[in-house]
Amino acid sequence: MLNEIIKVLFTPTYLKMRNRRIEGLILAAGFSNRFNSMDNAFKKYLLKVNNSNILSYIIGGMIKTGIRKINIIASKISNKSKYKQILLNSIGKLGIDSKKIKLNIIENKTPKRENGYSLFLGLKAISSEYTLLSMADHIFSENIFSQLVMNYHRYDILLATDPINLKDPYKLEDATKICGLNSFITNIGKGIPKYNRLDMGAFLLRTKVIRNICHGIKLDTYKFGVTDVILFAIESGLDVSYFDFPNVFWLDVDNSSIYEQ
């Protein structure tokens, strides 16, 4: 299944937005607990896909979108230089010239604070007006990053959404649900009672605005997720929008059975 997705991931795109104003951010500081690995340093996003790995395909999708600086939030990094070189080598296996990009590796030393805190750490390091955000373990049949950029209209957050897989048991079990109306998100969460879309794990957001929200939340809350940040943005009256991808197949590689498919 993953191999089928990879075949069409790298279609060249032409963007309307000046990508020098966008940096990439990938959240990769999770624990990978559902893989039941005995190795404490195990990282599911480095699992092999074709001749590379999951994370490198996500990086490659951002590069194909025109992003030239990509920040990666990771945990349990004993040697940043070695870690970066592993990623650069993996990107090279995709036929991408790694000399044209800058990878900035940021360590989240307290990953138990969850991915909202990882988002805060990443946004602190980003100077561009906009941030293209992705989870490290989501993979798509098309380069949805370019579509997010092309369909962005100065929202505070634009989220990629799946409007059609609401009857898929796997997606519903673990997915973050969204209630959306007229292109705007009114509620988000795994346990919300009413929903009509699923969160695909890719976002385009205004860096400074969302960084300020993360900063405010982290002062009051030890653990918080990206979903909490989005909810706070909605409650604060910000423009939190969605863009549907009805024809894109995607996977959240959340456990070994999904990966083995």
C-alpha atoms as a PDB file:
ATOM      1  CA  MET A   1       0.000   0.000   0.000  1.00  0.00           C
ATOM      2  CA  LEU A   2       2.772   2.448   0.897  1.00  0.00           C
ATOM      3  CA  ASN A   3       4.595   1.638  -2.330  1.00  0.00           C
ATOM      4  CA  GLU A   4       1.510   2.580  -4.340  1.00  0.00           C
ATOM      5  CA  ILE A   5       1.407   5.924  -2.574  1.00  0.00           C
ATOM      6  CA  ILE A   6       5.079   6.631  -3.216  1.00  0.00           C
ATOM      7  CA  LYS A   7       4.826   6.148  -7.000  1.00  0.00           C
ATOM      8  CA  VAL A   8       2.917   9.395  -7.494  1.00  0.00           C
ATOM      9  CA  LEU A   9       4.241  11.524  -4.661  1.00  0.00           C
ATOM     10  CA  PHE A  10       6.775  13.575  -6.608  1.00  0.00           C
ATOM     11  CA  THR A  11       4.810  15.290  -9.360  1.00  0.00           C
ATOM     12  CA  PRO A  12       6.385  18.686 -10.232  1.00  0.00           C
ATOM     13  CA  THR A  13       4.243  21.632  -9.173  1.00  0.00           C
ATOM     14  CA  TYR A  14       4.110  25.348  -9.939  1.00  0.00           C
ATOM     15  CA  LEU A  15       3.251  27.605  -7.053  1.00  0.00           C
ATOM     16  CA  LYS A  16       1.555  30.978  -6.813  1.00  0.00           C
ATOM     17  CA  MET A  17       3.077  31.803  -3.428  1.00  0.00           C
ATOM     18  CA  ARG A  18       6.661  32.973  -2.929  1.00  0.00           C
ATOM     19  CA  ASN A  19       8.129  30.002  -1.157  1.00  0.00           C
ATOM     20  CA  ARG A  20      11.064  31.927   0.259  1.00  0.00           C
ATOM     21  CA  ARG A  21       8.486  33.163   2.799  1.00  0.00           C
ATOM     22  CA  ILE A  22       7.729  29.609   3.899  1.00  0.00           C
ATOM     23  CA  GLU A  23       9.759  27.213   6.023  1.00  0.00           C
ATOM     24  CA  GLY A  24       8.895  23.582   6.553  1.00  0.00           C
ATOM     25  CA  LEU A  25       8.321  22.034   9.975  1.00  0.00           C
ATOM     26  CA  ILE A  26       8.021  18.301  10.640  1.00  0.00           C
ATOM     27  CA  LEU A  27       7.028  16.979  14.070  1.00  0.00           C
ATOM     28  CA  ALA A  28       8.977  13.777  14.726  1.00  0.00           C
ATOM     29  CA  ALA A  29       9.354  13.614  18.510  1.00  0.00           C
ATOM     30  CA  GLY A  30       6.752  10.934  19.243  1.00  0.00           C
ATOM     31  CA  PHE A  31       7.452   7.719  21.143  1.00  0.00           C
ATOM     32  CA  SER A  32       6.360   5.161  18.470  1.00  0.00           C
ATOM     33  CA  ASN A  33       4.902   3.071  21.305  1.00  0.00           C
ATOM     34  CA  ARG A  34       2.499   1.093  19.122  1.00  0.00           C
ATOM     35  CA  PHE A  35       5.336  -0.616  17.284  1.00  0.00           C
ATOM     36  CA  ASN A  36       6.360  -2.492  20.455  1.00  0.00           C
ATOM     37  CA  SER A  37      10.039  -2.107  19.646  1.00  0.00           C
ATOM     38  CA  MET A  38      12.606  -3.206  22.227  1.00  0.00           C
ATOM     39  CA  ASP A  39      14.936  -0.484  20.954  1.00  0.00           C
ATOM     40  CA  ASN A  40      14.463   2.755  22.922  1.00  0.00           C
ATOM     41  CA  ALA A  41      15.944   4.697  20.014  1.00  0.00           C
ATOM     42  CA  PHE A  42      13.458   3.237  17.482  1.00  0.00           C
ATOM     43  CA  LYS A  43      11.860   5.847  15.207  1.00  0.00           C
ATOM     44  CA  LYS A  44       8.978   4.698  13.039  1.00  0.00           C
ATOM     45  CA  TYR A  45       9.470   7.518  10.549  1.00  0.00           C
ATOM     46  CA  LEU A  46      12.821   5.953   9.576  1.00  0.00           C
ATOM     47  CA  LEU A  47      11.119   2.722   8.525  1.00  0.00           C
ATOM     48  CA  LYS A  48      12.105   1.721   5.012  1.00  0.00           C
ATOM     49  CA  VAL A  49       9.907   2.596   2.052  1.00  0.00           C
ATOM     50  CA  ASN A  50      11.344   1.526  -1.292  1.00  0.00           C
ATOM     51  CA  ASN A  51      14.987   2.620  -1.136  1.00  0.00           C
ATOM     52  CA  SER A  52      14.462   5.391   1.423  1.00  0.00           C
ATOM     53  CA  ASN A  53      12.235   6.002   4.478  1.00  0.00           C
ATOM     54  CA  ILE A  54       8.934   7.606   5.455  1.00  0.00           C
ATOM     55  CA  LEU A  55      10.388  10.876   6.739  1.00  0.00           C
ATOM     56  CA  SER A  56      12.515  11.418   3.642  1.00  0.00           C
ATOM     57  CA  TYR A  57       9.460  11.189   1.404  1.00  0.00           C
ATOM     58  CA  ILE A  58       7.761  13.867   3.500  1.00  0.00           C
ATOM     59  CA  ILE A  59      10.864  16.052   3.261  1.00  0.00           C
ATOM     60  CA  GLY A  60      10.976  15.368  -0.468  1.00  0.00           C
ATOM     61  CA  GLY A  61       7.369  16.485  -0.880  1.00  0.00           C
ATOM     62  CA  MET A  62       8.183  19.787   0.811  1.00  0.00           C
ATOM     63  CA  ILE A  63      11.254  20.256  -1.380  1.00  0.00           C
ATOM     64  CA  LYS A  64       9.157  19.622  -4.509  1.00  0.00           C
ATOM     65  CA  THR A  65       6.840  22.360  -3.231  1.00  0.00           C
ATOM     66  CA  GLY A  66       9.742  24.800  -3.269  1.00  0.00           C
ATOM     67  CA  ILE A  67      10.613  24.799   0.430  1.00  0.00           C
ATOM     68  CA  ARG A  68      14.333  25.261   0.990  1.00  0.00           C
ATOM     69  CA  LYS A  69      14.603  25.239   4.789  1.00  0.00           C
ATOM     70  CA  ILE A  70      13.017  22.422   6.757  1.00  0.00           C
ATOM     71  CA  ASN A  71      12.993  22.194  10.548  1.00  0.00           C
ATOM     72  CA  ILE A  72      12.611  18.778  12.160  1.00  0.00           C
ATOM     73  CA  ILE A  73      11.626  18.363  15.808  1.00  0.00           C
ATOM     74  CA  ALA A  74      12.981  15.050  17.080  1.00  0.00           C
ATOM     75  CA  SER A  75      13.654  13.358  20.409  1.00  0.00           C
ATOM     76  CA  LYS A  76      16.406  11.075  21.719  1.00  0.00           C
ATOM     77  CA  ILE A  77      19.048  12.466  19.356  1.00  0.00           C
ATOM     78  CA  SER A  78      22.497  11.506  20.633  1.00  0.00           C
ATOM     79  CA  ASN A  79      24.361  12.948  17.648  1.00  0.00           C
ATOM     80  CA  LYS A  80      22.673  15.687  15.586  1.00  0.00           C
ATOM     81  CA  SER A  81      25.315  15.666  12.855  1.00  0.00           C
ATOM     82  CA  LYS A  82      24.979  11.927  12.326  1.00  0.00           C
ATOM     83  CA  TYR A  83      21.179  12.141  12.410  1.00  0.00           C
ATOM     84  CA  LYS A  84      21.191  14.928   9.820  1.00  0.00           C
ATOM     85  CA  GLN A  85      23.559  13.004   7.561  1.00  0.00           C
ATOM     86  CA  ILE A  86      21.298   9.943   7.695  1.00  0.00           C
ATOM     87  CA  LEU A  87      18.412  12.095   6.473  1.00  0.00           C
ATOM     88  CA  LEU A  88      20.492  13.801   3.772  1.00  0.00           C
ATOM     89  CA  ASN A  89      21.642  10.420   2.479  1.00  0.00           C
ATOM     90  CA  SER A  90      18.043   9.188   2.423  1.00  0.00           C
ATOM     91  CA  ILE A  91      16.903  12.268   0.519  1.00  0.00           C
ATOM     92  CA  GLY A  92      19.706  11.701  -1.984  1.00  0.00           C
ATOM     93  CA  LYS A  93      18.322   8.230  -2.696  1.00  0.00           C
ATOM     94  CA  LEU A  94      15.178   9.934  -3.987  1.00  0.00           C
ATOM     95  CA  GLY A  95      17.206  11.738  -6.640  1.00  0.00           C
ATOM     96  CA  ILE A  96      17.077  15.073  -4.807  1.00  0.00           C
ATOM     97  CA  ASP A  97      20.159  17.272  -4.524  1.00  0.00           C
ATOM     98  CA  SER A  98      20.463  17.721  -0.759  1.00  0.00           C
ATOM     99  CA  LYS A  99      22.874  20.640  -1.234  1.00  0.00           C
ATOM    100  CA  LYS A 100      19.951  22.831  -2.226  1.00  0.00           C
ATOM    101  CA  ILE A 101      18.207  22.568   1.126  1.00  0.00           C
ATOM    102  CA  LYS A 102      18.911  23.349   4.762  1.00  0.00           C
ATOM    103  CA  LEU A 103      17.863  20.899   7.450  1.00  0.00           C
ATOM    104  CA  ASN A 104      17.610  22.281  10.969  1.00  0.00           C
ATOM    105  CA  ILE A 105      17.385  19.563  13.623  1.00  0.00           C
ATOM    106  CA  ILE A 106      15.794  20.657  16.908  1.00  0.00           C
ATOM    107  CA  GLU A 107      15.668  18.301  19.861  1.00  0.00           C
ATOM    108  CA  ASN A 108      12.590  18.115  22.053  1.00  0.00           C
ATOM    109  CA  LYS A 109      14.107  16.976  25.344  1.00  0.00           C
ATOM    110  CA  THR A 110      10.683  16.599  26.957  1.00  0.00           C
ATOM    111  CA  PRO A 111       8.583  14.777  24.309  1.00  0.00           C
ATOM    112  CA  LYS A 112       6.056  13.740  26.968  1.00  0.00           C
ATOM    113  CA  ARG A 113       4.798  17.330  26.737  1.00  0.00           C
ATOM    114  CA  GLU A 114       3.275  16.128  23.433  1.00  0.00           C
ATOM    115  CA  ASN A 115       3.287  17.524  19.922  1.00  0.00           C
ATOM    116  CA  GLY A 116       1.851  20.932  20.771  1.00  0.00           C
ATOM    117  CA  TYR A 117       5.067  21.628  22.644  1.00  0.00           C
ATOM    118  CA  SER A 118       7.065  20.312  19.679  1.00  0.00           C
ATOM    119  CA  LEU A 119       5.142  22.763  17.503  1.00  0.00           C
ATOM    120  CA  PHE A 120       6.112  25.590  19.849  1.00  0.00           C
ATOM    121  CA  LEU A 121       9.799  24.614  19.743  1.00  0.00           C
ATOM    122  CA  GLY A 122       9.714  24.531  15.963  1.00  0.00           C
ATOM    123  CA  LEU A 123       7.939  27.859  15.528  1.00  0.00           C
ATOM    124  CA  LYS A 124      10.441  29.505  17.881  1.00  0.00           C
ATOM    125  CA  ALA A 125      13.186  28.647  15.398  1.00  0.00           C
ATOM    126  CA  ILE A 126      11.323  29.789  12.278  1.00  0.00           C
ATOM    127  CA  SER A 127      11.735  33.304  10.896  1.00  0.00           C
ATOM    128  CA  SER A 128       9.529  33.017   7.793  1.00  0.00           C
ATOM    129  CA  GLU A 129       6.056  34.536   7.699  1.00  0.00           C
ATOM    130  CA  TYR A 130       4.451  31.167   6.997  1.00  0.00           C
ATOM    131  CA  THR A 131       5.125  27.602   8.126  1.00  0.00           C
ATOM    132  CA  LEU A 132       4.274  24.423   6.242  1.00  0.00           C
ATOM    133  CA  LEU A 133       3.670  21.825   8.953  1.00  0.00           C
ATOM    134  CA  SER A 134       3.478  18.036   8.717  1.00  0.00           C
ATOM    135  CA  MET A 135       3.463  15.067  11.029  1.00  0.00           C
ATOM    136  CA  ALA A 136       6.460  12.758  10.467  1.00  0.00           C
ATOM    137  CA  ASP A 137       4.424   9.585   9.966  1.00  0.00           C
ATOM    138  CA  HIS A 138       1.755  10.680   7.481  1.00  0.00           C
ATOM    139  CA  ILE A 139       2.179   9.870   3.825  1.00  0.00           C
ATOM    140  CA  PHE A 140       0.030  10.828   0.835  1.00  0.00           C
ATOM    141  CA  SER A 141      -0.675   9.653  -2.710  1.00  0.00           C
ATOM    142  CA  GLU A 142      -0.190  13.191  -4.023  1.00  0.00           C
ATOM    143  CA  ASN A 143       1.924  16.145  -3.007  1.00  0.00           C
ATOM    144  CA  ILE A 144      -0.747  17.849  -0.915  1.00  0.00           C
ATOM    145  CA  PHE A 145       1.778  20.402   0.364  1.00  0.00           C
ATOM    146  CA  SER A 146       1.789  22.198  -2.985  1.00  0.00           C
ATOM    147  CA  GLN A 147      -2.014  22.237  -3.046  1.00  0.00           C
ATOM    148  CA  LEU A 148      -2.148  23.791   0.419  1.00  0.00           C
ATOM    149  CA  VAL A 149       0.224  26.528  -0.712  1.00  0.00           C
ATOM    150  CA  MET A 150      -1.691  27.217  -3.934  1.00  0.00           C
ATOM    151  CA  ASN A 151      -5.041  27.398  -2.132  1.00  0.00           C
ATOM    152  CA  TYR A 152      -3.927  29.542   0.795  1.00  0.00           C
ATOM    153  CA  HIS A 153      -5.700  32.899   1.247  1.00  0.00           C
ATOM    154  CA  ARG A 154      -4.111  34.442   4.340  1.00  0.00           C
ATOM    155  CA  TYR A 155      -5.866  32.206   6.827  1.00  0.00           C
ATOM    156  CA  ASP A 156      -4.261  31.887  10.240  1.00  0.00           C
ATOM    157  CA  ILE A 157      -4.375  28.099   9.774  1.00  0.00           C
ATOM    158  CA  LEU A 158      -5.218  26.062   6.677  1.00  0.00           C
ATOM    159  CA  LEU A 159      -5.608  22.346   7.375  1.00  0.00           C
ATOM    160  CA  ALA A 160      -5.654  19.470   4.878  1.00  0.00           C
ATOM    161  CA  THR A 161      -8.814  17.405   5.353  1.00  0.00           C
ATOM    162  CA  ASP A 162     -10.324  14.141   4.144  1.00  0.00           C
ATOM    163  CA  PRO A 163     -14.113  14.425   3.572  1.00  0.00           C
ATOM    164  CA  ILE A 164     -14.826  10.908   2.314  1.00  0.00           C
ATOM    165  CA  ASN A 165     -13.254   8.269   4.561  1.00  0.00           C
ATOM    166  CA  LEU A 166     -15.731   8.627   7.415  1.00  0.00           C
ATOM    167  CA  LYS A 167     -16.789   4.973   7.112  1.00  0.00           C
ATOM    168  CA  ASP A 168     -13.291   3.535   7.206  1.00  0.00           C
ATOM    169  CA  PRO A 169     -12.936   1.772  10.614  1.00  0.00           C
ATOM    170  CA  TYR A 170      -9.175   2.342  10.832  1.00  0.00           C
ATOM    171  CA  LYS A 171      -9.332   6.028  10.012  1.00  0.00           C
ATOM    172  CA  LEU A 172     -12.195   6.655  12.402  1.00  0.00           C
ATOM    173  CA  GLU A 173     -10.627   4.756  15.266  1.00  0.00           C
ATOM    174  CA  ASP A 174      -7.486   6.852  15.599  1.00  0.00           C
ATOM    175  CA  ALA A 175      -8.102   9.883  13.412  1.00  0.00           C
ATOM    176  CA  THR A 176      -8.634  13.416  14.626  1.00  0.00           C
ATOM    177  CA  LYS A 177     -12.135  14.444  13.575  1.00  0.00           C
ATOM    178  CA  ILE A 178     -13.167  17.833  12.271  1.00  0.00           C
ATOM    179  CA  CYS A 179     -16.469  19.647  12.072  1.00  0.00           C
ATOM    180  CA  GLY A 180     -16.298  22.127   9.216  1.00  0.00           C
ATOM    181  CA  LEU A 181     -18.739  24.544   7.625  1.00  0.00           C
ATOM    182  CA  ASN A 182     -18.241  26.818   4.607  1.00  0.00           C
ATOM    183  CA  SER A 183     -14.479  26.196   4.540  1.00  0.00           C
ATOM    184  CA  PHE A 184     -13.993  27.027   8.229  1.00  0.00           C
ATOM    185  CA  ILE A 185     -13.354  24.633  11.122  1.00  0.00           C
ATOM    186  CA  THR A 186     -15.774  24.915  14.035  1.00  0.00           C
ATOM    187  CA  ASN A 187     -14.525  21.996  16.147  1.00  0.00           C
ATOM    188  CA  ILE A 188     -11.707  19.455  16.171  1.00  0.00           C
ATOM    189  CA  GLY A 189     -10.786  16.456  18.313  1.00  0.00           C
ATOM    190  CA  LYS A 190     -10.737  12.666  18.450  1.00  0.00           C
ATOM    191  CA  GLY A 191     -13.897  12.431  20.541  1.00  0.00           C
ATOM    192  CA  ILE A 192     -16.128  15.208  19.220  1.00  0.00           C
ATOM    193  CA  PRO A 193     -19.787  14.113  18.753  1.00  0.00           C
ATOM    194  CA  LYS A 194     -20.369  15.661  15.324  1.00  0.00           C
ATOM    195  CA  TYR A 195     -17.847  15.706  12.499  1.00  0.00           C
ATOM    196  CA  ASN A 196     -17.732  15.646   8.707  1.00  0.00           C
ATOM    197  CA  ARG A 197     -14.021  15.472   7.931  1.00  0.00           C
ATOM    198  CA  LEU A 198     -10.749  13.935   9.098  1.00  0.00           C
ATOM    199  CA  ASP A 199      -7.493  15.717   9.858  1.00  0.00           C
ATOM    200  CA  MET A 200      -4.788  14.571   7.401  1.00  0.00           C
ATOM    201  CA  GLY A 201      -1.855  15.942   9.409  1.00  0.00           C
ATOM    202  CA  ALA A 202      -0.670  18.725   7.076  1.00  0.00           C
ATOM    203  CA  PHE A 203      -1.097  22.457   7.676  1.00  0.00           C
ATOM    204  CA  LEU A 204      -0.106  25.892   6.412  1.00  0.00           C
ATOM    205  CA  LEU A 205      -0.094  28.525   9.137  1.00  0.00           C
ATOM    206  CA  ARG A 206       0.994  32.030  10.022  1.00  0.00           C
ATOM    207  CA  THR A 207       4.131  31.574  12.070  1.00  0.00           C
ATOM    208  CA  LYS A 208       4.029  34.473  14.517  1.00  0.00           C
ATOM    209  CA  VAL A 209       0.313  34.243  15.296  1.00  0.00           C
ATOM    210  CA  ILE A 210       0.394  30.522  16.069  1.00  0.00           C
ATOM    211  CA  ARG A 211       3.707  30.784  17.914  1.00  0.00           C
ATOM    212  CA  ASN A 212       2.121  33.312  20.268  1.00  0.00           C
ATOM    213  CA  ILE A 213      -0.794  30.954  20.907  1.00  0.00           C
ATOM    214  CA  CYS A 214       1.590  28.073  21.663  1.00  0.00           C
ATOM    215  CA  HIS A 215       3.558  30.278  24.030  1.00  0.00           C
ATOM    216  CA  GLY A 216       0.428  31.209  25.960  1.00  0.00           C
ATOM    217  CA  ILE A 217      -0.710  27.598  26.249  1.00  0.00           C
ATOM    218  CA  LYS A 218       2.675  26.268  27.382  1.00  0.00           C
ATOM    219  CA  LEU A 219       2.748  28.709  30.299  1.00  0.00           C
ATOM    220  CA  ASP A 220      -0.444  27.187  31.711  1.00  0.00           C
ATOM    221  CA  THR A 221      -0.351  23.588  30.478  1.00  0.00           C
ATOM    222  CA  TYR A 222       2.411  20.974  30.666  1.00  0.00           C
ATOM    223  CA  LYS A 223       0.993  18.611  28.051  1.00  0.00           C
ATOM    224  CA  PHE A 224      -0.789  19.927  24.974  1.00  0.00           C
ATOM    225  CA  GLY A 225      -1.288  18.839  21.394  1.00  0.00           C
ATOM    226  CA  VAL A 226      -1.572  20.513  18.024  1.00  0.00           C
ATOM    227  CA  THR A 227      -5.327  19.966  18.343  1.00  0.00           C
ATOM    228  CA  ASP A 228      -5.341  22.113  21.497  1.00  0.00           C
ATOM    229  CA  VAL A 229      -3.566  24.873  19.589  1.00  0.00           C
ATOM    230  CA  ILE A 230      -6.143  24.751  16.797  1.00  0.00           C
ATOM    231  CA  LEU A 231      -9.029  24.825  19.293  1.00  0.00           C
ATOM    232  CA  PHE A 232      -7.532  27.839  21.047  1.00  0.00           C
ATOM    233  CA  ALA A 233      -7.148  29.594  17.688  1.00  0.00           C
ATOM    234  CA  ILE A 234     -10.822  28.934  16.890  1.00  0.00           C
ATOM    235  CA  GLU A 235     -11.931  30.173  20.319  1.00  0.00           C
ATOM    236  CA  SER A 236      -9.790  33.288  19.832  1.00  0.00           C
ATOM    237  CA  GLY A 237     -11.666  34.176  16.651  1.00  0.00           C
ATOM    238  CA  LEU A 238      -8.824  33.440  14.235  1.00  0.00           C
ATOM    239  CA  ASP A 239      -9.432  32.229  10.687  1.00  0.00           C
ATOM    240  CA  VAL A 240      -8.989  28.463  10.879  1.00  0.00           C
ATOM    241  CA  SER A 241      -9.887  26.936   7.543  1.00  0.00           C
ATOM    242  CA  TYR A 242      -9.760  23.555   5.825  1.00  0.00           C
ATOM    243  CA  PHE A 243      -9.080  22.387   2.289  1.00  0.00           C
ATOM    244  CA  ASP A 244     -10.555  19.065   1.189  1.00  0.00           C
ATOM    245  CA  PHE A 245      -8.576  16.366  -0.614  1.00  0.00           C
ATOM    246  CA  PRO A 246     -11.358  13.932  -1.651  1.00  0.00           C
ATOM    247  CA  ASN A 247      -9.231  12.043  -4.177  1.00  0.00           C
ATOM    248  CA  VAL A 248      -6.033  11.643  -2.170  1.00  0.00           C
ATOM    249  CA  PHE A 249      -5.242   8.351  -0.490  1.00  0.00           C
ATOM    250  CA  TRP A 250      -3.276   8.779   2.730  1.00  0.00           C
ATOM    251  CA  LEU A 251      -1.985   6.820   5.690  1.00  0.00           C
ATOM    252  CA  ASP A 252      -1.060   7.592   9.257  1.00  0.00           C
ATOM    253  CA  VAL A 253       1.635   4.957   9.831  1.00  0.00           C
ATOM    254  CA  ASP A 254       0.615   4.484  13.430  1.00  0.00           C
ATOM    255  CA  ASN A 255       1.489   0.840  14.054  1.00  0.00           C
ATOM    256  CA  SER A 256       3.292  -2.147  12.560  1.00  0.00           C
ATOM    257  CA  SER A 257       0.186  -3.628  10.898  1.00  0.00           C
ATOM    258  CA  ILE A 258      -0.416  -0.419   8.936  1.00  0.00           C
ATOM    259  CA  TYR A 259       3.240  -0.283   7.890  1.00  0.00           C
ATOM    260  CA  GLU A 260       3.267  -3.921   6.787  1.00  0.00           C
ATOM    261  CA  GLN A 261       0.314  -3.347   4.449  1.00  0.00           C
END
